[in-house]
């Protein structure tokens, strides 16, 4: 896959395509994302997860009503922590509170007071989340992600490799071989959030990569 093909498949500006082509190509090779069908599904999903290959760290800049996606945050906390009228963005301190409430006490994270929800928030092209996943990704990639989780948001190659690791470890290559894009979506987001956007990206990728 050359830069121009990647640019069209992912619908990127030239500068973003140039930035990502090498990390994407290297990660695809490392994790056997090595057919047009696998590449189409992977690029579509990673494009969705990263906001078009632009966002490598999860934002919690939500209006109160939008915080309903986090079932662990009670209504009273949503009203208090969410973006207020006239406020351009939720403060980092409140974003930390949101993350700690939303992700505390699950998949290796300590409770909300531990700070693990914010510490192990989504990062990288896949938005790897939770302490257990950071531990497993770190072992697979031979990087200390538990103590240095921000590497997934500051190193493009690790951002792409972590996405490739997650993809292969969840059986998404095989799902892509079957053209079961919904199975890929469920592996990444069991609630199937953003399904229509993911599907739209997938159609473009399939057209460009002749799947």
Protein backbone atom coordinates (compact mmCIF):
# COMPACT_ATOMS: atom_id res chain seq x y z
CA UNK A 1 0.00 0.00 0.00
CA UNK A 2 1.54 3.30 -1.06
CA UNK A 3 0.92 6.70 0.48
CA UNK A 4 -1.62 7.81 -2.11
CA UNK A 5 -3.68 4.66 -1.67
CA UNK A 6 -3.61 4.99 2.11
CA UNK A 7 -4.60 8.64 1.84
CA UNK A 8 -7.65 7.79 -0.25
CA UNK A 9 -8.65 4.78 1.84
CA UNK A 10 -8.46 6.70 5.11
CA UNK A 11 -9.70 9.97 3.57
CA UNK A 12 -6.77 11.96 4.92
CA UNK A 13 -5.07 15.22 4.05
CA UNK A 14 -1.68 14.67 2.40
CA UNK A 15 0.28 15.68 5.50
CA UNK A 16 -1.53 13.17 7.71
CA UNK A 17 -1.06 10.43 5.14
CA UNK A 18 2.67 11.15 5.04
CA UNK A 19 2.84 11.13 8.83
CA UNK A 20 1.13 7.77 9.22
CA UNK A 21 2.09 5.68 6.21
CA UNK A 22 5.29 4.27 7.73
CA UNK A 23 3.88 3.49 11.21
CA UNK A 24 0.79 1.93 9.61
CA UNK A 25 2.80 -0.11 7.13
CA UNK A 26 5.22 -1.38 9.78
CA UNK A 27 2.46 -2.31 12.23
CA UNK A 28 0.44 -4.03 9.51
CA UNK A 29 3.46 -6.17 8.63
CA UNK A 30 4.20 -6.99 12.28
CA UNK A 31 0.65 -8.12 13.06
CA UNK A 32 -0.21 -9.93 9.82
CA UNK A 33 -2.65 -7.31 8.57
CA UNK A 34 -1.44 -8.33 5.15
CA UNK A 35 -4.37 -8.60 2.75
CA UNK A 36 -6.64 -5.95 1.25
CA UNK A 37 -9.57 -7.26 3.33
CA UNK A 38 -7.62 -7.03 6.57
CA UNK A 39 -6.19 -3.61 5.74
CA UNK A 40 -9.59 -2.22 4.78
CA UNK A 41 -11.20 -3.29 8.04
CA UNK A 42 -8.26 -2.19 10.19
CA UNK A 43 -7.83 1.22 8.59
CA UNK A 44 -11.56 1.86 8.86
CA UNK A 45 -11.71 0.95 12.53
CA UNK A 46 -8.55 2.80 13.50
CA UNK A 47 -9.68 5.82 11.55
CA UNK A 48 -12.89 5.90 13.56
CA UNK A 49 -11.17 5.32 16.90
CA UNK A 50 -8.63 8.09 16.33
CA UNK A 51 -10.95 10.69 14.83
CA UNK A 52 -9.36 10.35 11.42
CA UNK A 53 -5.81 9.61 12.60
CA UNK A 54 -5.75 12.86 14.57
CA UNK A 55 -6.48 11.96 18.20
CA UNK A 56 -4.16 9.72 20.18
CA UNK A 57 -5.51 10.40 23.67
CA UNK A 58 -9.10 10.08 24.83
CA UNK A 59 -10.98 13.29 25.59
CA UNK A 60 -13.69 13.54 28.22
CA UNK A 61 -14.95 16.89 27.00
CA UNK A 62 -18.61 15.87 27.16
CA UNK A 63 -21.82 17.75 27.77
CA UNK A 64 -23.75 16.31 30.75
CA UNK A 65 -26.28 14.47 28.60
CA UNK A 66 -23.54 12.85 26.52
CA UNK A 67 -22.01 11.36 29.67
CA UNK A 68 -24.88 8.86 29.68
CA UNK A 69 -22.61 6.59 27.64
CA UNK A 70 -20.74 5.94 30.89
CA UNK A 71 -23.20 3.93 32.94
CA UNK A 72 -21.06 4.20 36.08
CA UNK A 73 -21.41 7.97 36.29
CA UNK A 74 -24.63 8.87 38.17
CA UNK A 75 -26.92 11.61 36.87
CA UNK A 76 -25.95 14.01 39.64
CA UNK A 77 -22.26 13.68 38.76
CA UNK A 78 -22.97 14.05 35.04
CA UNK A 79 -24.70 17.36 35.69
CA UNK A 80 -21.81 18.60 37.80
CA UNK A 81 -18.87 17.34 35.75
CA UNK A 82 -20.08 17.75 32.18
CA UNK A 83 -19.46 20.79 29.99
CA UNK A 84 -21.52 23.69 31.26
CA UNK A 85 -23.40 26.31 29.16
CA UNK A 86 -20.92 28.86 27.83
CA UNK A 87 -17.95 26.67 28.69
CA UNK A 88 -15.67 25.88 25.74
CA UNK A 89 -14.23 22.72 27.25
CA UNK A 90 -14.39 20.66 30.42
CA UNK A 91 -11.39 21.42 32.61
CA UNK A 92 -8.68 18.79 32.84
CA UNK A 93 -9.42 18.34 36.55
CA UNK A 94 -13.05 17.47 35.79
CA UNK A 95 -12.06 15.29 32.85
CA UNK A 96 -9.88 13.33 35.26
CA UNK A 97 -12.85 12.87 37.58
CA UNK A 98 -15.00 11.67 34.70
CA UNK A 99 -12.40 9.13 33.58
CA UNK A 100 -11.84 7.85 37.10
CA UNK A 101 -15.55 7.35 37.68
CA UNK A 102 -16.16 5.80 34.26
CA UNK A 103 -13.24 3.38 34.28
CA UNK A 104 -12.52 2.78 37.96
CA UNK A 105 -12.68 -0.74 39.39
CA UNK A 106 -12.57 -2.61 36.09
CA UNK A 107 -10.03 -4.59 34.07
CA UNK A 108 -7.18 -4.07 36.50
CA UNK A 109 -7.95 -0.46 37.35
CA UNK A 110 -8.21 0.52 40.99
CA UNK A 111 -11.25 2.39 42.26
CA UNK A 112 -12.03 5.97 41.31
CA UNK A 113 -9.74 7.32 44.01
CA UNK A 114 -6.75 5.45 42.54
CA UNK A 115 -6.61 7.65 39.45
CA UNK A 116 -6.26 4.60 37.21
CA UNK A 117 -9.22 5.58 35.05
CA UNK A 118 -7.40 8.70 33.89
CA UNK A 119 -3.95 7.09 33.98
CA UNK A 120 -5.06 4.28 31.68
CA UNK A 121 -7.55 6.16 29.53
CA UNK A 122 -7.72 5.49 25.82
CA UNK A 123 -4.52 6.14 23.89
CA UNK A 124 -3.00 5.22 20.54
CA UNK A 125 -4.82 4.64 17.28
CA UNK A 126 -6.96 1.97 18.92
CA UNK A 127 -7.45 3.97 22.14
CA UNK A 128 -6.15 1.14 24.33
CA UNK A 129 -7.91 1.47 27.70
CA UNK A 130 -7.57 -0.07 31.20
CA UNK A 131 -4.56 -1.21 33.16
CA UNK A 132 -4.85 -4.86 32.11
CA UNK A 133 -4.69 -3.89 28.44
CA UNK A 134 -1.75 -1.54 29.00
CA UNK A 135 0.05 -4.37 30.80
CA UNK A 136 -0.64 -6.88 28.04
CA UNK A 137 0.21 -4.43 25.26
CA UNK A 138 3.43 -3.49 27.02
CA UNK A 139 4.48 -7.10 27.28
CA UNK A 140 3.70 -7.76 23.63
CA UNK A 141 5.49 -4.63 22.43
CA UNK A 142 8.40 -4.87 24.93
CA UNK A 143 7.63 -1.42 26.32
CA UNK A 144 6.85 -0.33 29.89
CA UNK A 145 3.36 1.04 29.37
CA UNK A 146 2.23 0.62 32.96
CA UNK A 147 4.69 3.22 34.20
CA UNK A 148 4.80 5.25 30.99
CA UNK A 149 1.33 5.02 29.40
CA UNK A 150 1.67 8.35 27.57
CA UNK A 151 4.03 6.71 25.09
CA UNK A 152 0.98 5.53 23.15
CA UNK A 153 -0.02 9.15 22.63
CA UNK A 154 3.43 10.57 21.87
CA UNK A 155 5.07 7.89 19.71
CA UNK A 156 3.32 7.30 16.39
CA UNK A 157 4.93 3.92 15.88
CA UNK A 158 3.77 2.69 19.28
CA UNK A 159 0.35 4.18 18.63
CA UNK A 160 0.09 2.07 15.47
CA UNK A 161 1.75 -1.03 16.95
CA UNK A 162 -0.61 -1.03 19.92
CA UNK A 163 -3.52 -0.89 17.49
CA UNK A 164 -2.08 -3.79 15.50
CA UNK A 165 -1.50 -5.81 18.68
CA UNK A 166 -5.07 -5.30 19.87
CA UNK A 167 -6.47 -6.13 16.43
CA UNK A 168 -4.61 -9.41 16.07
CA UNK A 169 -5.05 -10.48 19.70
CA UNK A 170 -8.85 -10.15 19.40
CA UNK A 171 -9.12 -12.24 16.25
CA UNK A 172 -9.97 -9.33 14.00
CA UNK A 173 -7.79 -10.56 11.14
CA UNK A 174 -9.92 -13.68 10.90
CA UNK A 175 -13.13 -11.65 11.15
CA UNK A 176 -11.90 -9.42 8.33
CA UNK A 177 -11.15 -12.51 6.24
CA UNK A 178 -14.82 -13.48 6.64
CA UNK A 179 -15.85 -9.90 5.77
CA UNK A 180 -17.51 -9.79 9.20
CA UNK A 181 -16.91 -6.14 9.94
CA UNK A 182 -19.48 -6.13 12.73
CA UNK A 183 -17.40 -8.72 14.59
CA UNK A 184 -14.43 -6.36 14.36
CA UNK A 185 -16.55 -3.54 15.74
CA UNK A 186 -17.78 -5.67 18.65
CA UNK A 187 -14.20 -6.68 19.50
CA UNK A 188 -13.24 -3.01 19.69
CA UNK A 189 -16.45 -1.60 21.16
CA UNK A 190 -18.95 -4.18 22.46
CA UNK A 191 -21.68 -1.53 22.54
CA UNK A 192 -21.15 -0.97 18.78
CA UNK A 193 -20.90 2.79 19.33
CA UNK A 194 -20.42 4.71 16.11
CA UNK A 195 -21.45 1.79 13.93
CA UNK A 196 -22.71 3.92 11.03
CA UNK A 197 -19.51 5.95 10.90
CA UNK A 198 -17.37 2.84 11.07
CA UNK A 199 -19.39 1.18 8.32
CA UNK A 200 -19.07 4.27 6.11
CA UNK A 201 -15.30 4.28 6.50
CA UNK A 202 -15.20 0.57 5.73
CA UNK A 203 -17.08 1.03 2.46
CA UNK A 204 -14.58 3.67 1.33
CA UNK A 205 -11.63 1.48 2.30
CA UNK A 206 -13.08 -1.49 0.46
CA UNK A 207 -13.64 0.58 -2.66
CA UNK A 208 -10.09 1.94 -2.65
CA UNK A 209 -8.39 -1.35 -1.76
CA UNK A 210 -10.59 -3.36 -4.16
CA UNK A 211 -11.97 -5.67 -1.51
